Amino acid sequence: MAGGRRQAAPPREEVLAAAMEMIAERGLEKLTMAALGRAVGMSSGHLLYYFHSKDELLLRTLEWSEGRLGAERGRLLARTAPARARLDAYVDLYVPDGHRDPHWTLWLEVWNRSQNADDAARDRQAAIEGAWHRDLVALIAEGVSRGEFRPVDADRFATRLRALLDGFSIHVAIGLRGTGREQVLGHVREFLDESLTRPAK
């Protein structure tokens, strides 16, 4: 064949993993179609053919990263352990590792771009949020049913707890002074102690 055999494009997961690695190493501002193309041996035009836009690339990368986190969350929550121990593990997984945590950096950018996103993209973001929420509701309901937690409305409590986690997590991810990861985890543990601990008989 004239021109030789065309080089096969890397699997989509390899491209998404490379995008996440670039965010971790260089920051989101360095993630361009051209730079990503060089990293995976593809042209920026080829990447646009697959992803159509940078917004779609970012959302796909977030979905890929969330898939991995979801699997880890499933393993943590399936352990044979008290509900509170698994709730602490959930919180630990939720809160960023620190300033410029790549997963949270990506989340913040997708949230920012969602102001102009279409309904389909918003539905995909809601699906990611929904998975975290359903797991948390189930865990809180289990703790209540077993008598580990005081009686609360699991759905309402989960909604409020995730709003608290989101607020604290944004502070950690952007490096707001006085809100490091360990301080945030301490605040959340204190909130859970006050909100869920059954009164002594």
N, C-alpha and C. Protein backbone atom coordinates (compact mmCIF):
# COMPACT_ATOMS: atom_id res chain seq x y z
N MET A 1 0.85 -1.19 0.00
CA MET A 1 0.00 0.00 0.00
C MET A 1 0.88 1.24 0.00
N ALA A 2 0.57 2.20 -0.83
CA ALA A 2 1.37 3.42 -0.90
C ALA A 2 1.36 4.13 0.44
N GLY A 3 2.56 4.57 0.85
CA GLY A 3 2.66 5.31 2.11
C GLY A 3 2.80 4.42 3.32
N GLY A 4 2.72 3.09 3.15
CA GLY A 4 2.89 2.18 4.27
C GLY A 4 1.64 2.03 5.09
N ARG A 5 1.73 1.19 6.08
CA ARG A 5 0.58 0.90 6.93
C ARG A 5 0.36 2.04 7.92
N ARG A 6 -0.87 2.49 8.06
CA ARG A 6 -1.20 3.58 8.99
C ARG A 6 -1.07 3.09 10.43
N GLN A 7 -0.44 3.91 11.27
CA GLN A 7 -0.26 3.55 12.67
C GLN A 7 -1.62 3.57 13.40
N ALA A 8 -1.87 2.50 14.14
CA ALA A 8 -3.14 2.40 14.85
C ALA A 8 -3.17 3.42 15.99
N ALA A 9 -4.35 3.99 16.22
CA ALA A 9 -4.52 4.92 17.34
C ALA A 9 -4.51 4.15 18.65
N PRO A 10 -4.00 4.75 19.72
CA PRO A 10 -4.01 4.07 21.01
C PRO A 10 -5.44 3.90 21.52
N PRO A 11 -5.67 2.89 22.36
CA PRO A 11 -7.01 2.72 22.93
C PRO A 11 -7.46 3.98 23.66
N ARG A 12 -8.76 4.21 23.66
CA ARG A 12 -9.28 5.43 24.27
C ARG A 12 -8.88 5.55 25.74
N GLU A 13 -8.86 4.42 26.45
CA GLU A 13 -8.48 4.47 27.87
C GLU A 13 -7.05 4.96 28.05
N GLU A 14 -6.18 4.60 27.12
CA GLU A 14 -4.79 5.07 27.18
C GLU A 14 -4.73 6.58 27.02
N VAL A 15 -5.56 7.13 26.14
CA VAL A 15 -5.59 8.58 25.94
C VAL A 15 -6.10 9.26 27.21
N LEU A 16 -7.15 8.72 27.82
CA LEU A 16 -7.72 9.32 29.02
C LEU A 16 -6.74 9.25 30.19
N ALA A 17 -6.03 8.12 30.30
CA ALA A 17 -5.03 7.98 31.35
C ALA A 17 -3.91 8.99 31.15
N ALA A 18 -3.51 9.20 29.88
CA ALA A 18 -2.47 10.18 29.59
C ALA A 18 -2.93 11.59 29.93
N ALA A 19 -4.20 11.90 29.66
CA ALA A 19 -4.74 13.21 30.00
C ALA A 19 -4.70 13.43 31.51
N MET A 20 -5.08 12.42 32.27
CA MET A 20 -5.08 12.53 33.73
C MET A 20 -3.66 12.69 34.24
N GLU A 21 -2.72 11.98 33.64
CA GLU A 21 -1.32 12.08 34.06
C GLU A 21 -0.77 13.48 33.77
N MET A 22 -1.16 14.05 32.63
CA MET A 22 -0.71 15.41 32.31
C MET A 22 -1.26 16.43 33.31
N ILE A 23 -2.52 16.26 33.70
CA ILE A 23 -3.11 17.16 34.69
C ILE A 23 -2.35 17.06 36.00
N ALA A 24 -2.01 15.83 36.41
CA ALA A 24 -1.30 15.60 37.67
C ALA A 24 0.10 16.21 37.64
N GLU A 25 0.78 16.08 36.52
CA GLU A 25 2.17 16.50 36.44
C GLU A 25 2.34 17.98 36.09
N ARG A 26 1.46 18.50 35.22
CA ARG A 26 1.69 19.84 34.68
C ARG A 26 0.57 20.83 34.97
N GLY A 27 -0.56 20.33 35.44
CA GLY A 27 -1.69 21.20 35.68
C GLY A 27 -2.61 21.27 34.47
N LEU A 28 -3.83 21.66 34.71
CA LEU A 28 -4.85 21.64 33.67
C LEU A 28 -4.54 22.61 32.53
N GLU A 29 -3.88 23.72 32.87
CA GLU A 29 -3.61 24.72 31.83
C GLU A 29 -2.65 24.20 30.76
N LYS A 30 -1.88 23.16 31.08
CA LYS A 30 -0.94 22.59 30.11
C LYS A 30 -1.57 21.48 29.26
N LEU A 31 -2.80 21.10 29.62
CA LEU A 31 -3.47 20.04 28.85
C LEU A 31 -4.13 20.66 27.63
N THR A 32 -3.47 20.54 26.50
CA THR A 32 -4.03 20.98 25.23
C THR A 32 -4.13 19.77 24.32
N MET A 33 -4.94 19.89 23.29
CA MET A 33 -5.06 18.79 22.34
C MET A 33 -3.71 18.48 21.70
N ALA A 34 -2.94 19.52 21.41
CA ALA A 34 -1.64 19.32 20.77
C ALA A 34 -0.68 18.59 21.71
N ALA A 35 -0.64 19.02 22.98
CA ALA A 35 0.27 18.40 23.94
C ALA A 35 -0.14 16.95 24.22
N LEU A 36 -1.45 16.72 24.35
CA LEU A 36 -1.91 15.37 24.58
C LEU A 36 -1.63 14.49 23.37
N GLY A 37 -1.84 15.05 22.19
CA GLY A 37 -1.55 14.31 20.97
C GLY A 37 -0.10 13.86 20.92
N ARG A 38 0.82 14.77 21.29
CA ARG A 38 2.24 14.40 21.29
C ARG A 38 2.52 13.28 22.29
N ALA A 39 1.82 13.33 23.45
CA ALA A 39 2.06 12.33 24.49
C ALA A 39 1.62 10.94 24.07
N VAL A 40 0.58 10.85 23.24
CA VAL A 40 0.04 9.53 22.86
C VAL A 40 0.31 9.20 21.39
N GLY A 41 1.04 10.07 20.71
CA GLY A 41 1.38 9.77 19.33
C GLY A 41 0.23 9.95 18.35
N MET A 42 -0.60 10.96 18.59
CA MET A 42 -1.72 11.26 17.70
C MET A 42 -1.71 12.75 17.38
N SER A 43 -2.30 13.11 16.26
CA SER A 43 -2.44 14.52 15.94
C SER A 43 -3.60 15.11 16.73
N SER A 44 -3.57 16.43 16.92
CA SER A 44 -4.68 17.08 17.62
C SER A 44 -5.97 16.92 16.82
N GLY A 45 -5.85 16.88 15.49
CA GLY A 45 -7.03 16.66 14.66
C GLY A 45 -7.64 15.29 14.88
N HIS A 46 -6.77 14.29 15.06
CA HIS A 46 -7.25 12.93 15.33
C HIS A 46 -7.97 12.88 16.67
N LEU A 47 -7.42 13.57 17.66
CA LEU A 47 -8.07 13.62 18.97
C LEU A 47 -9.43 14.30 18.88
N LEU A 48 -9.50 15.37 18.11
CA LEU A 48 -10.78 16.06 17.95
C LEU A 48 -11.81 15.18 17.25
N TYR A 49 -11.32 14.30 16.36
CA TYR A 49 -12.23 13.37 15.69
C TYR A 49 -12.88 12.45 16.72
N TYR A 50 -12.09 12.01 17.70
CA TYR A 50 -12.62 11.10 18.72
C TYR A 50 -13.45 11.81 19.79
N PHE A 51 -13.01 13.01 20.19
CA PHE A 51 -13.63 13.67 21.34
C PHE A 51 -14.43 14.92 20.98
N HIS A 52 -14.28 15.44 19.77
CA HIS A 52 -15.07 16.55 19.24
C HIS A 52 -14.73 17.92 19.85
N SER A 53 -14.37 17.95 21.13
CA SER A 53 -14.04 19.22 21.76
C SER A 53 -13.24 18.95 23.03
N LYS A 54 -12.60 19.99 23.55
CA LYS A 54 -11.88 19.83 24.81
C LYS A 54 -12.85 19.58 25.95
N ASP A 55 -14.03 20.19 25.90
CA ASP A 55 -15.04 19.94 26.93
C ASP A 55 -15.36 18.45 27.01
N GLU A 56 -15.54 17.82 25.86
CA GLU A 56 -15.86 16.40 25.84
C GLU A 56 -14.69 15.57 26.33
N LEU A 57 -13.48 15.95 25.97
CA LEU A 57 -12.29 15.25 26.46
C LEU A 57 -12.23 15.30 27.98
N LEU A 58 -12.46 16.49 28.54
CA LEU A 58 -12.41 16.63 30.00
C LEU A 58 -13.49 15.81 30.68
N LEU A 59 -14.70 15.82 30.13
CA LEU A 59 -15.78 15.06 30.73
C LEU A 59 -15.51 13.56 30.63
N ARG A 60 -15.00 13.11 29.48
CA ARG A 60 -14.67 11.69 29.33
C ARG A 60 -13.56 11.29 30.31
N THR A 61 -12.58 12.17 30.48
CA THR A 61 -11.49 11.87 31.42
C THR A 61 -12.03 11.79 32.84
N LEU A 62 -12.94 12.70 33.18
CA LEU A 62 -13.56 12.67 34.50
C LEU A 62 -14.35 11.37 34.69
N GLU A 63 -15.11 10.97 33.70
CA GLU A 63 -15.89 9.72 33.80
C GLU A 63 -14.95 8.53 33.98
N TRP A 64 -13.84 8.52 33.26
CA TRP A 64 -12.87 7.44 33.39
C TRP A 64 -12.28 7.41 34.80
N SER A 65 -11.87 8.59 35.30
CA SER A 65 -11.31 8.68 36.63
C SER A 65 -12.33 8.28 37.69
N GLU A 66 -13.58 8.71 37.50
CA GLU A 66 -14.65 8.37 38.44
C GLU A 66 -14.95 6.87 38.42
N GLY A 67 -14.80 6.24 37.26
CA GLY A 67 -14.99 4.80 37.19
C GLY A 67 -14.00 4.07 38.08
N ARG A 68 -12.76 4.52 38.07
CA ARG A 68 -11.74 3.92 38.92
C ARG A 68 -12.03 4.20 40.40
N LEU A 69 -12.41 5.43 40.70
CA LEU A 69 -12.76 5.78 42.08
C LEU A 69 -13.98 5.00 42.54
N GLY A 70 -14.95 4.83 41.64
CA GLY A 70 -16.16 4.09 41.98
C GLY A 70 -15.85 2.65 42.35
N ALA A 71 -14.92 2.04 41.63
CA ALA A 71 -14.53 0.66 41.94
C ALA A 71 -13.86 0.60 43.31
N GLU A 72 -13.00 1.59 43.59
CA GLU A 72 -12.34 1.63 44.89
C GLU A 72 -13.35 1.87 46.00
N ARG A 73 -14.31 2.77 45.74
CA ARG A 73 -15.35 3.06 46.73
C ARG A 73 -16.18 1.80 47.01
N GLY A 74 -16.49 1.05 45.95
CA GLY A 74 -17.25 -0.18 46.13
C GLY A 74 -16.52 -1.18 47.01
N ARG A 75 -15.21 -1.30 46.82
CA ARG A 75 -14.42 -2.23 47.65
C ARG A 75 -14.42 -1.78 49.11
N LEU A 76 -14.26 -0.47 49.32
CA LEU A 76 -14.23 0.04 50.70
C LEU A 76 -15.56 -0.19 51.41
N LEU A 77 -16.66 0.06 50.70
CA LEU A 77 -17.97 -0.02 51.33
C LEU A 77 -18.43 -1.47 51.50
N ALA A 78 -17.84 -2.39 50.74
CA ALA A 78 -18.23 -3.80 50.83
C ALA A 78 -17.49 -4.54 51.94
N ARG A 79 -16.55 -3.86 52.59
CA ARG A 79 -15.77 -4.52 53.65
C ARG A 79 -16.68 -4.91 54.82
N THR A 80 -16.24 -5.92 55.56
CA THR A 80 -16.90 -6.28 56.80
C THR A 80 -16.33 -5.39 57.90
N ALA A 81 -17.02 -4.31 58.18
CA ALA A 81 -16.55 -3.33 59.15
C ALA A 81 -17.75 -2.52 59.61
N PRO A 82 -17.66 -1.88 60.79
CA PRO A 82 -18.76 -1.03 61.24
C PRO A 82 -19.07 0.05 60.21
N ALA A 83 -20.32 0.49 60.19
CA ALA A 83 -20.73 1.51 59.23
C ALA A 83 -19.92 2.78 59.39
N ARG A 84 -19.58 3.15 60.62
CA ARG A 84 -18.82 4.38 60.83
C ARG A 84 -17.41 4.27 60.25
N ALA A 85 -16.79 3.10 60.37
CA ALA A 85 -15.46 2.92 59.79
C ALA A 85 -15.52 3.05 58.27
N ARG A 86 -16.57 2.51 57.67
CA ARG A 86 -16.72 2.62 56.22
C ARG A 86 -17.10 4.04 55.80
N LEU A 87 -17.84 4.75 56.66
CA LEU A 87 -18.16 6.14 56.37
C LEU A 87 -16.89 7.00 56.40
N ASP A 88 -16.03 6.74 57.37
CA ASP A 88 -14.76 7.46 57.42
C ASP A 88 -13.93 7.17 56.18
N ALA A 89 -13.96 5.93 55.69
CA ALA A 89 -13.22 5.57 54.47
C ALA A 89 -13.80 6.29 53.26
N TYR A 90 -15.13 6.41 53.21
CA TYR A 90 -15.80 7.14 52.13
C TYR A 90 -15.33 8.60 52.12
N VAL A 91 -15.34 9.22 53.30
CA VAL A 91 -14.92 10.62 53.42
C VAL A 91 -13.46 10.76 53.00
N ASP A 92 -12.63 9.84 53.43
CA ASP A 92 -11.21 9.88 53.11
C ASP A 92 -10.99 9.81 51.59
N LEU A 93 -11.80 9.01 50.91
CA LEU A 93 -11.70 8.89 49.46
C LEU A 93 -12.23 10.15 48.77
N TYR A 94 -13.23 10.77 49.35
CA TYR A 94 -13.90 11.94 48.76
C TYR A 94 -13.01 13.18 48.78
N VAL A 95 -12.36 13.42 49.92
CA VAL A 95 -11.60 14.66 50.12
C VAL A 95 -10.30 14.62 49.31
N PRO A 96 -9.94 15.72 48.65
CA PRO A 96 -8.70 15.73 47.84
C PRO A 96 -7.47 15.39 48.65
N ASP A 97 -6.45 14.88 47.97
CA ASP A 97 -5.18 14.57 48.63
C ASP A 97 -4.46 15.84 49.06
N GLY A 98 -4.74 16.95 48.37
CA GLY A 98 -4.08 18.20 48.71
C GLY A 98 -4.30 19.21 47.61
N HIS A 99 -3.53 20.30 47.68
CA HIS A 99 -3.61 21.37 46.70
C HIS A 99 -3.31 20.83 45.30
N ARG A 100 -4.16 21.16 44.36
CA ARG A 100 -4.02 20.76 42.95
C ARG A 100 -4.17 19.25 42.77
N ASP A 101 -4.93 18.61 43.63
CA ASP A 101 -5.26 17.21 43.42
C ASP A 101 -5.83 17.08 42.00
N PRO A 102 -5.27 16.19 41.15
CA PRO A 102 -5.67 16.17 39.74
C PRO A 102 -7.15 15.84 39.52
N HIS A 103 -7.69 14.92 40.30
CA HIS A 103 -9.10 14.57 40.12
C HIS A 103 -9.99 15.76 40.44
N TRP A 104 -9.70 16.45 41.53
CA TRP A 104 -10.51 17.60 41.91
C TRP A 104 -10.26 18.79 41.00
N THR A 105 -9.04 18.94 40.52
CA THR A 105 -8.75 19.99 39.53
C THR A 105 -9.63 19.80 38.30
N LEU A 106 -9.74 18.55 37.88
CA LEU A 106 -10.57 18.22 36.72
C LEU A 106 -12.04 18.47 37.03
N TRP A 107 -12.50 18.06 38.20
CA TRP A 107 -13.89 18.27 38.60
C TRP A 107 -14.24 19.77 38.57
N LEU A 108 -13.35 20.59 39.14
CA LEU A 108 -13.63 22.02 39.20
C LEU A 108 -13.75 22.62 37.80
N GLU A 109 -12.91 22.15 36.88
CA GLU A 109 -12.97 22.67 35.52
C GLU A 109 -14.26 22.22 34.83
N VAL A 110 -14.65 20.97 35.03
CA VAL A 110 -15.89 20.49 34.41
C VAL A 110 -17.09 21.23 34.99
N TRP A 111 -17.09 21.44 36.29
CA TRP A 111 -18.17 22.22 36.91
C TRP A 111 -18.23 23.62 36.29
N ASN A 112 -17.06 24.25 36.15
CA ASN A 112 -17.03 25.60 35.60
C ASN A 112 -17.57 25.63 34.17
N ARG A 113 -17.18 24.65 33.37
CA ARG A 113 -17.62 24.60 31.97
C ARG A 113 -19.09 24.18 31.85
N SER A 114 -19.64 23.60 32.90
CA SER A 114 -21.02 23.10 32.82
C SER A 114 -22.03 24.23 32.72
N GLN A 115 -21.59 25.44 33.01
CA GLN A 115 -22.51 26.58 32.87
C GLN A 115 -23.03 26.70 31.44
N ASN A 116 -22.20 26.28 30.49
CA ASN A 116 -22.59 26.36 29.07
C ASN A 116 -22.79 24.98 28.45
N ALA A 117 -22.85 23.94 29.29
CA ALA A 117 -22.98 22.58 28.77
C ALA A 117 -24.41 22.29 28.33
N ASP A 118 -24.54 21.33 27.42
CA ASP A 118 -25.88 20.93 27.00
C ASP A 118 -26.48 19.95 28.01
N ASP A 119 -27.74 19.60 27.81
CA ASP A 119 -28.43 18.75 28.77
C ASP A 119 -27.78 17.37 28.89
N ALA A 120 -27.28 16.84 27.78
CA ALA A 120 -26.67 15.51 27.81
C ALA A 120 -25.43 15.51 28.70
N ALA A 121 -24.61 16.55 28.58
CA ALA A 121 -23.40 16.65 29.42
C ALA A 121 -23.78 16.82 30.89
N ARG A 122 -24.81 17.62 31.15
CA ARG A 122 -25.27 17.81 32.52
C ARG A 122 -25.79 16.49 33.11
N ASP A 123 -26.47 15.71 32.29
CA ASP A 123 -26.97 14.42 32.76
C ASP A 123 -25.81 13.49 33.12
N ARG A 124 -24.74 13.54 32.34
CA ARG A 124 -23.58 12.69 32.63
C ARG A 124 -22.91 13.13 33.93
N GLN A 125 -22.83 14.42 34.16
CA GLN A 125 -22.29 14.90 35.44
C GLN A 125 -23.18 14.46 36.59
N ALA A 126 -24.49 14.57 36.40
CA ALA A 126 -25.43 14.17 37.45
C ALA A 126 -25.32 12.68 37.75
N ALA A 127 -25.00 11.88 36.74
CA ALA A 127 -24.84 10.44 36.96
C ALA A 127 -23.65 10.16 37.86
N ILE A 128 -22.57 10.92 37.69
CA ILE A 128 -21.40 10.76 38.55
C ILE A 128 -21.76 11.14 39.98
N GLU A 129 -22.40 12.29 40.14
CA GLU A 129 -22.80 12.75 41.47
C GLU A 129 -23.76 11.73 42.11
N GLY A 130 -24.67 11.21 41.28
CA GLY A 130 -25.67 10.29 41.80
C GLY A 130 -25.08 9.02 42.36
N ALA A 131 -24.00 8.52 41.76
CA ALA A 131 -23.36 7.30 42.25
C ALA A 131 -22.79 7.50 43.65
N TRP A 132 -22.12 8.63 43.86
CA TRP A 132 -21.60 8.95 45.20
C TRP A 132 -22.75 9.07 46.20
N HIS A 133 -23.82 9.73 45.76
CA HIS A 133 -24.95 9.98 46.67
C HIS A 133 -25.64 8.67 47.06
N ARG A 134 -25.92 7.81 46.09
CA ARG A 134 -26.61 6.56 46.40
C ARG A 134 -25.81 5.69 47.36
N ASP A 135 -24.51 5.62 47.16
CA ASP A 135 -23.68 4.82 48.06
C ASP A 135 -23.70 5.38 49.47
N LEU A 136 -23.68 6.70 49.58
CA LEU A 136 -23.69 7.32 50.90
C LEU A 136 -25.04 7.12 51.58
N VAL A 137 -26.12 7.27 50.86
CA VAL A 137 -27.45 7.05 51.43
C VAL A 137 -27.58 5.62 51.95
N ALA A 138 -27.14 4.66 51.16
CA ALA A 138 -27.24 3.26 51.56
C ALA A 138 -26.41 2.99 52.81
N LEU A 139 -25.23 3.58 52.89
CA LEU A 139 -24.37 3.36 54.05
C LEU A 139 -24.97 3.98 55.31
N ILE A 140 -25.50 5.18 55.20
CA ILE A 140 -26.11 5.82 56.37
C ILE A 140 -27.36 5.05 56.80
N ALA A 141 -28.18 4.64 55.85
CA ALA A 141 -29.37 3.86 56.18
C ALA A 141 -29.01 2.55 56.88
N GLU A 142 -27.93 1.94 56.41
CA GLU A 142 -27.48 0.69 57.05
C GLU A 142 -27.05 0.95 58.49
N GLY A 143 -26.30 2.04 58.70
CA GLY A 143 -25.86 2.37 60.05
C GLY A 143 -27.03 2.66 60.98
N VAL A 144 -28.06 3.32 60.46
CA VAL A 144 -29.25 3.59 61.26
C VAL A 144 -29.99 2.30 61.59
N SER A 145 -30.16 1.45 60.58
CA SER A 145 -30.92 0.21 60.78
C SER A 145 -30.23 -0.72 61.76
N ARG A 146 -28.92 -0.67 61.82
CA ARG A 146 -28.17 -1.53 62.74
C ARG A 146 -28.01 -0.92 64.13
N GLY A 147 -28.51 0.29 64.28
CA GLY A 147 -28.41 0.95 65.58
C GLY A 147 -27.07 1.59 65.83
N GLU A 148 -26.19 1.67 64.82
CA GLU A 148 -24.90 2.32 64.99
C GLU A 148 -25.04 3.84 64.97
N PHE A 149 -25.96 4.34 64.16
CA PHE A 149 -26.19 5.77 64.05
C PHE A 149 -27.55 6.12 64.67
N ARG A 150 -27.65 7.33 65.13
CA ARG A 150 -28.95 7.79 65.61
C ARG A 150 -29.91 7.89 64.41
N PRO A 151 -31.22 7.82 64.64
CA PRO A 151 -32.15 7.87 63.51
C PRO A 151 -32.06 9.20 62.76
N VAL A 152 -31.78 9.13 61.48
CA VAL A 152 -31.77 10.32 60.61
C VAL A 152 -32.40 9.92 59.29
N ASP A 153 -32.85 10.92 58.55
CA ASP A 153 -33.31 10.69 57.18
C ASP A 153 -32.05 10.55 56.32
N ALA A 154 -31.80 9.34 55.84
CA ALA A 154 -30.53 9.05 55.17
C ALA A 154 -30.31 9.92 53.94
N ASP A 155 -31.35 10.14 53.14
CA ASP A 155 -31.20 10.93 51.93
C ASP A 155 -30.89 12.39 52.26
N ARG A 156 -31.62 12.96 53.19
CA ARG A 156 -31.40 14.36 53.57
C ARG A 156 -30.02 14.52 54.20
N PHE A 157 -29.65 13.60 55.07
CA PHE A 157 -28.35 13.69 55.72
C PHE A 157 -27.23 13.58 54.68
N ALA A 158 -27.36 12.66 53.73
CA ALA A 158 -26.35 12.49 52.69
C ALA A 158 -26.21 13.75 51.85
N THR A 159 -27.34 14.39 51.52
CA THR A 159 -27.30 15.62 50.74
C THR A 159 -26.51 16.70 51.47
N ARG A 160 -26.77 16.84 52.76
CA ARG A 160 -26.08 17.87 53.53
C ARG A 160 -24.61 17.54 53.73
N LEU A 161 -24.33 16.26 53.99
CA LEU A 161 -22.94 15.86 54.19
C LEU A 161 -22.13 16.07 52.92
N ARG A 162 -22.69 15.74 51.76
CA ARG A 162 -21.95 15.92 50.52
C ARG A 162 -21.74 17.40 50.21
N ALA A 163 -22.68 18.25 50.57
CA ALA A 163 -22.48 19.69 50.39
C ALA A 163 -21.32 20.17 51.27
N LEU A 164 -21.26 19.66 52.49
CA LEU A 164 -20.16 19.99 53.39
C LEU A 164 -18.83 19.50 52.82
N LEU A 165 -18.82 18.26 52.32
CA LEU A 165 -17.60 17.70 51.74
C LEU A 165 -17.16 18.47 50.50
N ASP A 166 -18.12 18.85 49.66
CA ASP A 166 -17.78 19.61 48.46
C ASP A 166 -17.13 20.95 48.83
N GLY A 167 -17.73 21.65 49.79
CA GLY A 167 -17.19 22.95 50.19
C GLY A 167 -15.78 22.82 50.74
N PHE A 168 -15.58 21.90 51.65
CA PHE A 168 -14.25 21.69 52.22
C PHE A 168 -13.26 21.23 51.14
N SER A 169 -13.73 20.34 50.25
CA SER A 169 -12.83 19.79 49.23
C SER A 169 -12.35 20.86 48.26
N ILE A 170 -13.23 21.79 47.92
CA ILE A 170 -12.82 22.90 47.06
C ILE A 170 -11.72 23.71 47.75
N HIS A 171 -11.87 23.97 49.04
CA HIS A 171 -10.86 24.72 49.78
C HIS A 171 -9.51 23.99 49.75
N VAL A 172 -9.54 22.67 49.93
CA VAL A 172 -8.29 21.90 49.90
C VAL A 172 -7.68 21.93 48.50
N ALA A 173 -8.52 21.72 47.49
CA ALA A 173 -8.02 21.61 46.11
C ALA A 173 -7.39 22.92 45.61
N ILE A 174 -7.95 24.05 46.04
CA ILE A 174 -7.39 25.33 45.58
C ILE A 174 -6.30 25.84 46.50
N GLY A 175 -6.06 25.13 47.60
CA GLY A 175 -4.98 25.50 48.51
C GLY A 175 -5.30 26.67 49.41
N LEU A 176 -6.57 26.80 49.81
CA LEU A 176 -6.97 27.89 50.71
C LEU A 176 -6.25 27.70 52.04
N ARG A 177 -5.61 28.74 52.51
CA ARG A 177 -4.85 28.65 53.76
C ARG A 177 -5.76 28.28 54.93
N GLY A 178 -5.25 27.41 55.78
CA GLY A 178 -5.99 27.01 56.97
C GLY A 178 -6.98 25.89 56.75
N THR A 179 -7.03 25.34 55.53
CA THR A 179 -7.96 24.25 55.26
C THR A 179 -7.23 23.11 54.55
N GLY A 180 -6.18 22.62 55.18
CA GLY A 180 -5.48 21.46 54.65
C GLY A 180 -6.30 20.19 54.83
N ARG A 181 -5.88 19.15 54.18
CA ARG A 181 -6.62 17.88 54.19
C ARG A 181 -6.87 17.37 55.61
N GLU A 182 -5.85 17.33 56.45
CA GLU A 182 -6.01 16.77 57.79
C GLU A 182 -6.95 17.62 58.64
N GLN A 183 -6.89 18.93 58.47
CA GLN A 183 -7.82 19.80 59.20
C GLN A 183 -9.25 19.54 58.77
N VAL A 184 -9.45 19.37 57.46
CA VAL A 184 -10.79 19.11 56.94
C VAL A 184 -11.31 17.77 57.45
N LEU A 185 -10.48 16.74 57.41
CA LEU A 185 -10.92 15.43 57.90
C LEU A 185 -11.28 15.51 59.38
N GLY A 186 -10.55 16.30 60.13
CA GLY A 186 -10.88 16.48 61.55
C GLY A 186 -12.23 17.16 61.73
N HIS A 187 -12.51 18.20 60.94
CA HIS A 187 -13.80 18.89 61.01
C HIS A 187 -14.94 17.92 60.67
N VAL A 188 -14.75 17.11 59.63
CA VAL A 188 -15.82 16.20 59.20
C VAL A 188 -16.04 15.12 60.24
N ARG A 189 -14.97 14.57 60.80
CA ARG A 189 -15.14 13.55 61.86
C ARG A 189 -15.91 14.12 63.04
N GLU A 190 -15.58 15.36 63.41
CA GLU A 190 -16.28 16.01 64.52
C GLU A 190 -17.76 16.19 64.18
N PHE A 191 -18.06 16.62 62.96
CA PHE A 191 -19.44 16.79 62.52
C PHE A 191 -20.19 15.46 62.58
N LEU A 192 -19.56 14.39 62.12
CA LEU A 192 -20.21 13.08 62.14
C LEU A 192 -20.43 12.58 63.56
N ASP A 193 -19.45 12.83 64.44
CA ASP A 193 -19.62 12.44 65.85
C ASP A 193 -20.83 13.14 66.45
N GLU A 194 -20.94 14.44 66.17
CA GLU A 194 -22.03 15.22 66.75
C GLU A 194 -23.38 14.85 66.15
N SER A 195 -23.39 14.47 64.87
CA SER A 195 -24.65 14.28 64.15
C SER A 195 -25.18 12.85 64.19
N LEU A 196 -24.28 11.87 64.28
CA LEU A 196 -24.71 10.48 64.13
C LEU A 196 -24.55 9.62 65.39
N THR A 197 -23.74 10.08 66.35
CA THR A 197 -23.51 9.27 67.55
C THR A 197 -24.79 9.15 68.36
N ARG A 198 -25.14 7.95 68.68
CA ARG A 198 -26.34 7.72 69.49
C ARG A 198 -26.07 8.20 70.92
N PRO A 199 -27.07 8.84 71.55
CA PRO A 199 -26.87 9.30 72.94
C PRO A 199 -26.66 8.11 73.89
N ALA A 200 -25.82 8.31 74.89
CA ALA A 200 -25.56 7.24 75.85
C ALA A 200 -26.82 6.97 76.67
N LYS A 201 -27.03 5.70 76.94
CA LYS A 201 -28.22 5.33 77.72
C LYS A 201 -27.97 5.50 79.20
